[in-house]
Protein backbone atom coordinates (compact mmCIF):
# COMPACT_ATOMS: atom_id res chain seq x y z
CA MET A 1 81.45 94.09 126.39
CA GLN A 2 84.55 96.19 125.88
CA PHE A 3 87.06 95.71 123.08
CA THR A 4 90.61 96.96 122.76
CA LYS A 5 91.32 99.49 120.01
CA ALA A 6 93.10 96.76 118.03
CA GLU A 7 90.07 94.47 118.23
CA GLU A 8 87.69 97.28 117.32
CA TYR A 9 89.81 98.42 114.38
CA GLY A 10 90.25 94.84 113.19
CA MET A 11 86.50 94.27 113.16
CA LEU A 12 85.87 97.58 111.38
CA GLY A 13 88.45 96.69 108.75
CA VAL A 14 87.06 93.21 108.14
CA LEU A 15 83.51 94.61 107.96
CA PHE A 16 84.70 97.12 105.37
CA LEU A 17 86.23 94.30 103.31
CA SER A 18 83.03 92.26 103.59
CA GLU A 19 81.15 95.04 101.81
CA LYS A 20 83.41 94.61 98.78
CA GLU A 21 83.09 92.00 96.06
CA VAL A 22 84.52 88.63 97.14
CA GLY A 23 88.15 88.36 96.08
CA SER A 24 88.54 92.03 95.19
CA ILE A 25 91.77 93.55 96.48
CA THR A 26 91.44 96.66 98.63
CA PRO A 27 94.47 98.78 99.52
CA LEU A 28 95.11 99.21 103.23
CA SER A 29 95.15 102.98 102.76
CA GLU A 30 91.56 102.88 101.48
CA ILE A 31 90.39 100.93 104.52
CA ALA A 32 92.27 103.20 106.93
CA GLU A 33 90.91 106.36 105.31
CA ALA A 34 87.32 105.11 105.14
CA LYS A 35 87.25 104.01 108.77
CA GLU A 36 89.51 106.80 110.10
CA ILE A 37 92.06 104.37 111.52
CA PRO A 38 95.81 105.10 111.70
CA GLU A 39 97.28 103.22 108.71
CA LYS A 40 100.41 101.94 110.48
CA PHE A 41 98.35 100.54 113.36
CA LEU A 42 95.91 98.94 110.92
CA ALA A 43 98.85 97.38 109.04
CA LYS A 44 99.96 95.57 112.21
CA ILE A 45 96.42 94.42 112.92
CA PHE A 46 95.90 93.15 109.38
CA GLN A 47 99.23 91.34 109.48
CA SER A 48 97.89 89.32 112.41
CA LEU A 49 94.55 88.76 110.66
CA SER A 50 96.40 87.54 107.58
CA ARG A 51 98.46 85.07 109.63
CA ALA A 52 95.21 83.77 111.14
CA SER A 53 93.77 83.34 107.60
CA ILE A 54 90.95 85.77 108.32
CA VAL A 55 91.99 88.04 105.44
CA ARG A 56 94.33 87.48 102.50
CA SER A 57 97.24 89.79 101.82
CA HIS A 58 98.40 90.62 98.30
CA ARG A 59 101.82 92.10 97.61
CA GLY A 60 102.95 94.52 94.96
CA VAL A 61 101.89 97.80 93.44
CA ARG A 62 98.26 96.70 93.28
CA GLY A 63 98.50 94.93 96.61
CA GLY A 64 96.18 95.12 99.55
CA PHE A 65 93.79 92.79 101.29
CA SER A 66 90.85 90.65 100.31
CA TYR A 67 88.26 88.68 102.23
């Protein structure tokens, strides 16, 4: 089975979040750096995942994403 880059990066990002403590907020930059994914591309992917209620987005200085 083949996945698009967006699908692959989305799964890698969600898997990275799943390794964290439930409810802990992880900055997008940390996810992008750890998985070697372009941050701007990952931001678009995570925006879609947030709209689909797969991840939660958190705004502000200490913002990021949680699972």
